[in-house]
Amino acid sequence: MTRPALTLVASLALASAAHAQHAGMDMGPASPSAKALQQIEQVKQATQTFAAPEQARAAGFGPVLNWLPTMGIHWINLGRQQQSGRNVTITAPDQLMFSPMNGKDALVGAAYSFIVPLSDSARPATFDGNPGWHDHPQFAPEGSTLAMLHVWFVPSPDGPFAGHNPNLPFWALGLTPPPADRFKDAAESVRIRKAALALGVVVDTAGLFPTLAQRPEVHSALVSHRDAIRSLVSRLDAKGVTDWASWDKTADDAAAHWDAVRALYLGSVRSPAVRARMTKVMDEMETGAHGHAH
């Protein structure tokens, strides 16, 4: 997997790193209109020339942060971002999202972003239905915020404009994720998302928080949990599952390992501020929830 220049912990040192969007644990996300689906297809077609990381890099995009289990890696084109501002052209996104699929990094989505004063709540119309934008003041100069909107090219149980996609870790390991309707139950939704995060521990051996993962006491425990999760991988393939009670039991086992990994990370930091930011990141991944504004 391509390793980006910045780690998540480095970004957390600056501010909260929560590359996530509004569509969270919605027990039934509104289906996009036919026009919105057509627009998404137009964006997908317009970005096919950047479908491989080397093509994206040649076009001025570059990776930031590490691979995030429910968001992949964001690749940003600062030139596009600065030139377009709030004059968004949906077929010219300033961010691309890559994640492993079928053994290689694949383009799984795109995003739009621009910087505006905190007092400016106006957001441009984009796709039909006016999906909500979200704000990242931590990635903008003081007094400003980075407004952002995501769009997925691959299925997401929370809809095409969700900030998180728990399917990504399943695909990264060649597995079929559970069907979207299983996310409609709140308890099942959290179970699946935690299992996905456990799979992420196997996918990316550098760790969700790479700097912390390198500490000897953290690294050895991560290796142990990773080995245990790896033994569950084949049983988390949802393809053709009829015995969901058995699948849920395996998912619970994986989720327990994720809970332990989460506690391991949080217990390894001294700064309450950093711990709070890490907690926010992981909470959003576990629930899919994130505040938003239009």
Protein backbone atom coordinates (compact mmCIF):
# COMPACT_ATOMS: atom_id res chain seq x y z
CA MET A 1 0.00 0.00 0.00
CA THR A 2 1.28 3.46 -0.82
CA ARG A 3 2.39 5.28 2.33
CA PRO A 4 1.59 8.98 2.34
CA ALA A 5 3.84 11.74 3.58
CA LEU A 6 1.82 12.50 6.70
CA THR A 7 0.63 10.15 9.41
CA LEU A 8 -2.66 10.48 11.18
CA VAL A 9 -0.95 11.15 14.49
CA ALA A 10 1.01 14.03 12.96
CA SER A 11 -2.23 15.59 11.85
CA LEU A 12 -3.82 14.95 15.22
CA ALA A 13 -1.00 16.89 16.79
CA LEU A 14 -2.23 19.89 14.85
CA ALA A 15 -5.91 19.30 15.35
CA SER A 16 -8.69 16.77 15.16
CA ALA A 17 -8.27 14.48 12.20
CA ALA A 18 -11.73 13.38 11.29
CA HIS A 19 -11.96 13.00 7.56
CA ALA A 20 -15.60 12.13 7.76
CA GLN A 21 -18.87 13.44 6.55
CA HIS A 22 -22.40 13.92 7.69
CA ALA A 23 -24.09 10.69 6.66
CA GLY A 24 -23.72 8.54 9.69
CA MET A 25 -25.66 5.80 11.35
CA ASP A 26 -28.76 6.70 9.40
CA MET A 27 -31.14 3.81 9.80
CA GLY A 28 -32.26 4.30 6.22
CA PRO A 29 -30.35 6.89 4.19
CA ALA A 30 -32.44 8.61 1.58
CA SER A 31 -31.90 7.09 -1.83
CA PRO A 32 -30.25 9.49 -4.28
CA SER A 33 -32.38 10.63 -7.19
CA ALA A 34 -31.86 9.34 -10.71
CA LYS A 35 -30.31 12.70 -11.57
CA ALA A 36 -27.88 12.49 -8.64
CA LEU A 37 -26.84 8.98 -9.70
CA GLN A 38 -26.26 10.26 -13.21
CA GLN A 39 -24.13 13.09 -11.83
CA ILE A 40 -22.08 10.66 -9.75
CA GLU A 41 -21.45 8.59 -12.87
CA GLN A 42 -20.28 11.74 -14.65
CA VAL A 43 -17.78 12.41 -11.86
CA LYS A 44 -16.60 8.81 -11.97
CA GLN A 45 -16.04 9.00 -15.70
CA ALA A 46 -14.28 12.37 -15.44
CA THR A 47 -11.80 10.98 -12.90
CA GLN A 48 -10.95 7.74 -14.72
CA THR A 49 -7.76 9.33 -16.04
CA PHE A 50 -6.60 9.44 -12.39
CA ALA A 51 -7.75 5.90 -11.58
CA ALA A 52 -4.25 4.76 -10.55
CA PRO A 53 -2.11 6.49 -7.90
CA GLU A 54 0.70 7.17 -10.35
CA GLN A 55 -1.76 8.86 -12.71
CA ALA A 56 -3.16 10.94 -9.87
CA ARG A 57 0.31 12.02 -8.83
CA ALA A 58 1.21 13.02 -12.38
CA ALA A 59 -1.93 15.18 -12.45
CA GLY A 60 -0.92 17.09 -9.33
CA PHE A 61 -2.67 15.05 -6.63
CA GLY A 62 -0.77 13.87 -3.56
CA PRO A 63 -1.63 11.69 -0.54
CA VAL A 64 -2.26 13.13 2.91
CA LEU A 65 -2.76 11.17 6.12
CA ASN A 66 -2.44 7.40 6.20
CA TRP A 67 -5.00 4.81 5.09
CA LEU A 68 -8.10 5.17 7.23
CA PRO A 69 -10.18 1.97 7.34
CA THR A 70 -13.50 3.61 6.49
CA MET A 71 -12.16 6.40 4.28
CA GLY A 72 -9.11 5.14 2.43
CA ILE A 73 -6.37 7.65 1.58
CA HIS A 74 -7.24 11.19 0.53
CA TRP A 75 -5.20 12.56 -2.38
CA ILE A 76 -5.42 16.35 -2.70
CA ASN A 77 -4.74 18.67 -5.61
CA LEU A 78 -4.02 21.98 -3.90
CA GLY A 79 -3.96 23.82 -7.21
CA ARG A 80 -7.52 22.76 -7.98
CA GLN A 81 -8.66 23.57 -4.47
CA GLN A 82 -7.21 27.07 -4.57
CA GLN A 83 -8.43 27.83 -8.08
CA SER A 84 -11.99 26.60 -7.77
CA GLY A 85 -12.86 27.83 -4.29
CA ARG A 86 -16.60 27.74 -3.77
CA ASN A 87 -17.15 27.66 -7.54
CA VAL A 88 -17.36 23.90 -7.52
CA THR A 89 -17.46 21.95 -10.77
CA ILE A 90 -18.56 18.46 -9.82
CA THR A 91 -16.59 16.83 -12.64
CA ALA A 92 -13.36 18.42 -11.35
CA PRO A 93 -12.98 17.35 -7.69
CA ASP A 94 -9.90 18.57 -5.84
CA GLN A 95 -9.60 15.35 -3.82
CA LEU A 96 -9.52 11.66 -4.73
CA MET A 97 -9.94 8.70 -2.38
CA PHE A 98 -7.99 5.47 -2.89
CA SER A 99 -8.31 2.15 -1.07
CA PRO A 100 -7.13 -1.42 -1.79
CA MET A 101 -9.46 -3.53 -3.94
CA ASN A 102 -8.57 -6.73 -5.74
CA GLY A 103 -4.95 -6.46 -4.67
CA LYS A 104 -4.28 -2.90 -5.79
CA ASP A 105 -5.07 0.66 -4.77
CA ALA A 106 -8.29 1.65 -6.51
CA LEU A 107 -10.08 4.96 -6.92
CA VAL A 108 -13.16 4.60 -4.71
CA GLY A 109 -14.40 8.17 -4.45
CA ALA A 110 -13.75 11.90 -4.69
CA ALA A 111 -14.25 15.02 -2.60
CA TYR A 112 -14.64 18.76 -2.91
CA SER A 113 -13.23 21.33 -0.52
CA PHE A 114 -12.59 25.04 -0.09
CA ILE A 115 -11.62 27.41 2.71
CA VAL A 116 -14.01 30.10 3.96
CA PRO A 117 -14.38 32.24 7.10
CA LEU A 118 -16.05 30.50 10.03
CA SER A 119 -18.84 33.05 9.81
CA ASP A 120 -19.65 31.98 6.23
CA SER A 121 -22.15 29.12 6.33
CA ALA A 122 -23.20 29.31 2.66
CA ARG A 123 -22.32 26.23 0.65
CA PRO A 124 -22.63 25.81 -3.12
CA ALA A 125 -25.19 23.54 -4.73
CA THR A 126 -23.62 20.42 -6.15
CA PHE A 127 -25.54 17.21 -6.68
CA ASP A 128 -29.28 16.88 -7.02
CA GLY A 129 -30.83 16.75 -3.57
CA ASN A 130 -28.23 19.13 -2.13
CA PRO A 131 -26.21 16.66 0.01
CA GLY A 132 -24.75 18.22 3.15
CA TRP A 133 -21.22 19.55 3.41
CA HIS A 134 -19.14 19.22 6.57
CA ASP A 135 -16.54 21.53 8.08
CA HIS A 136 -12.91 20.99 9.16
CA PRO A 137 -11.71 24.17 10.89
CA GLN A 138 -8.63 22.22 12.04
CA PHE A 139 -7.35 22.15 8.47
CA ALA A 140 -7.75 25.88 7.82
CA PRO A 141 -6.11 29.10 9.05
CA GLU A 142 -7.40 30.49 12.31
CA GLY A 143 -10.84 31.98 11.87
CA SER A 144 -11.53 29.86 8.79
CA THR A 145 -12.82 26.39 8.01
CA LEU A 146 -12.30 23.81 5.29
CA ALA A 147 -15.72 22.94 3.86
CA MET A 148 -15.88 19.44 2.35
CA LEU A 149 -18.23 17.12 0.50
CA HIS A 150 -17.52 13.45 -0.32
CA VAL A 151 -18.91 11.23 -3.07
CA TRP A 152 -18.37 7.46 -3.30
CA PHE A 153 -17.96 5.58 -6.57
CA VAL A 154 -18.44 2.26 -4.76
CA PRO A 155 -21.41 1.08 -2.68
CA SER A 156 -21.70 2.48 0.84
CA PRO A 157 -24.41 1.41 3.30
CA ASP A 158 -24.81 5.06 4.30
CA GLY A 159 -25.29 6.32 0.75
CA PRO A 160 -23.01 7.83 -1.90
CA PHE A 161 -22.38 11.08 0.02
CA ALA A 162 -21.43 9.49 3.35
CA GLY A 163 -18.16 10.37 5.00
CA HIS A 164 -17.43 6.79 6.06
CA ASN A 165 -17.60 3.55 4.16
CA PRO A 166 -17.27 0.42 6.34
CA ASN A 167 -17.15 -1.77 3.23
CA LEU A 168 -13.56 -0.75 2.46
CA PRO A 169 -11.73 -3.12 4.86
CA PHE A 170 -13.78 -6.07 3.60
CA TRP A 171 -12.88 -5.34 -0.01
CA ALA A 172 -9.24 -4.74 0.92
CA LEU A 173 -9.05 -8.37 2.09
CA GLY A 174 -11.02 -9.75 -0.85
CA LEU A 175 -14.18 -10.28 1.22
CA THR A 176 -17.82 -9.52 0.48
CA PRO A 177 -19.23 -7.05 3.03
CA PRO A 178 -22.62 -7.59 4.63
CA PRO A 179 -25.60 -6.23 2.66
CA ALA A 180 -26.64 -2.65 3.34
CA ASP A 181 -29.96 -3.64 4.91
CA ARG A 182 -28.13 -5.21 7.87
CA PHE A 183 -26.95 -1.74 8.87
CA LYS A 184 -30.55 -0.67 9.51
CA ASP A 185 -30.45 -2.24 12.96
CA ALA A 186 -28.42 -0.01 15.30
CA ALA A 187 -26.70 -2.82 17.21
CA GLU A 188 -25.89 -4.75 14.04
CA SER A 189 -24.55 -1.60 12.41
CA VAL A 190 -22.04 -1.02 15.20
CA ARG A 191 -21.11 -4.73 15.21
CA ILE A 192 -20.30 -4.66 11.49
CA ARG A 193 -18.41 -1.38 11.69
CA LYS A 194 -16.27 -2.63 14.56
CA ALA A 195 -15.58 -5.85 12.68
CA ALA A 196 -14.54 -3.72 9.71
CA LEU A 197 -12.13 -1.77 11.89
CA ALA A 198 -10.71 -5.05 13.17
CA LEU A 199 -10.13 -6.10 9.56
CA GLY A 200 -8.39 -2.78 9.07
CA VAL A 201 -5.83 -3.85 11.66
CA VAL A 202 -4.94 -6.72 9.33
CA VAL A 203 -5.04 -4.63 6.14
CA ASP A 204 -2.67 -1.89 7.27
CA THR A 205 0.13 -3.25 9.43
CA ALA A 206 1.47 0.29 9.98
CA GLY A 207 -1.52 0.86 12.23
CA LEU A 208 -4.30 3.41 12.43
CA PHE A 209 -1.97 5.62 14.47
CA PRO A 210 1.43 4.69 12.98
CA THR A 211 3.61 6.64 15.40
CA LEU A 212 1.97 4.99 18.40
CA ALA A 213 1.99 1.59 16.69
CA GLN A 214 5.79 1.72 16.51
CA ARG A 215 6.19 1.86 20.27
CA PRO A 216 7.51 -1.55 21.43
CA GLU A 217 4.80 -2.16 24.05
CA VAL A 218 2.07 -1.18 21.59
CA HIS A 219 3.60 -3.00 18.63
CA SER A 220 3.82 -6.37 20.37
CA ALA A 221 0.19 -6.20 21.51
CA LEU A 222 -0.94 -5.14 18.04
CA VAL A 223 0.84 -8.11 16.49
CA SER A 224 -0.98 -10.44 18.87
CA HIS A 225 -4.39 -8.95 18.08
CA ARG A 226 -3.63 -8.85 14.37
CA ASP A 227 -2.80 -12.56 14.35
CA ALA A 228 -6.02 -13.34 16.21
CA ILE A 229 -8.11 -11.22 13.83
CA ARG A 230 -6.41 -12.81 10.83
CA SER A 231 -7.70 -16.19 11.99
CA LEU A 232 -11.26 -14.81 11.73
CA VAL A 233 -10.98 -13.25 8.27
CA SER A 234 -12.37 -16.08 6.18
CA ARG A 235 -15.41 -16.37 8.44
CA LEU A 236 -16.21 -12.68 7.98
CA ASP A 237 -16.82 -13.10 4.27
CA ALA A 238 -20.54 -12.35 3.89
CA LYS A 239 -20.84 -13.91 0.45
CA GLY A 240 -23.65 -16.45 0.48
CA VAL A 241 -24.16 -16.27 4.25
CA THR A 242 -27.38 -17.86 5.48
CA ASP A 243 -26.44 -18.40 9.12
CA TRP A 244 -26.20 -14.80 10.26
CA ALA A 245 -26.15 -15.78 13.93
CA SER A 246 -22.86 -17.55 13.33
CA TRP A 247 -21.52 -14.63 11.30
CA ASP A 248 -22.50 -12.23 14.08
CA LYS A 249 -20.64 -14.34 16.62
CA THR A 250 -17.47 -14.10 14.53
CA ALA A 251 -18.04 -10.37 14.08
CA ASP A 252 -18.40 -10.00 17.85
CA ASP A 253 -15.08 -11.79 18.33
CA ALA A 254 -13.44 -9.44 15.82
CA ALA A 255 -15.10 -6.42 17.46
CA ALA A 256 -13.70 -7.48 20.85
CA HIS A 257 -10.20 -7.41 19.39
CA TRP A 258 -10.90 -3.99 17.92
CA ASP A 259 -12.08 -2.75 21.32
CA ALA A 260 -8.79 -3.98 22.79
CA VAL A 261 -6.79 -2.27 20.04
CA ARG A 262 -8.72 0.95 20.62
CA ALA A 263 -7.99 0.81 24.36
CA LEU A 264 -4.34 0.07 23.58
CA TYR A 265 -4.02 3.21 21.46
CA LEU A 266 -5.83 5.45 23.92
CA GLY A 267 -3.82 4.11 26.84
CA SER A 268 -0.54 4.92 25.10
CA VAL A 269 -1.00 8.72 24.91
CA ARG A 270 -0.49 11.17 27.74
CA SER A 271 -2.08 14.28 26.30
CA PRO A 272 -5.79 14.54 27.17
CA ALA A 273 -6.33 16.72 24.08
CA VAL A 274 -4.80 14.17 21.72
CA ARG A 275 -6.69 11.36 23.46
CA ALA A 276 -9.95 13.24 22.97
CA ARG A 277 -9.23 13.74 19.27
CA MET A 278 -8.34 10.09 18.81
CA THR A 279 -11.54 9.10 20.61
CA LYS A 280 -13.56 11.32 18.28
CA VAL A 281 -11.95 9.76 15.21
CA MET A 282 -12.64 6.20 16.37
CA ASP A 283 -16.14 6.98 17.60
CA GLU A 284 -17.06 8.31 14.17
CA MET A 285 -15.64 5.23 12.47
CA GLU A 286 -17.59 2.94 14.80
CA THR A 287 -20.91 4.71 14.29
CA GLY A 288 -20.54 6.48 10.95
CA ALA A 289 -21.96 9.59 12.62
CA HIS A 290 -20.62 13.07 11.96
CA GLY A 291 -22.02 16.56 12.28
CA HIS A 292 -22.67 18.46 9.07
CA ALA A 293 -23.91 21.70 7.64
CA HIS A 294 -25.41 22.63 4.30
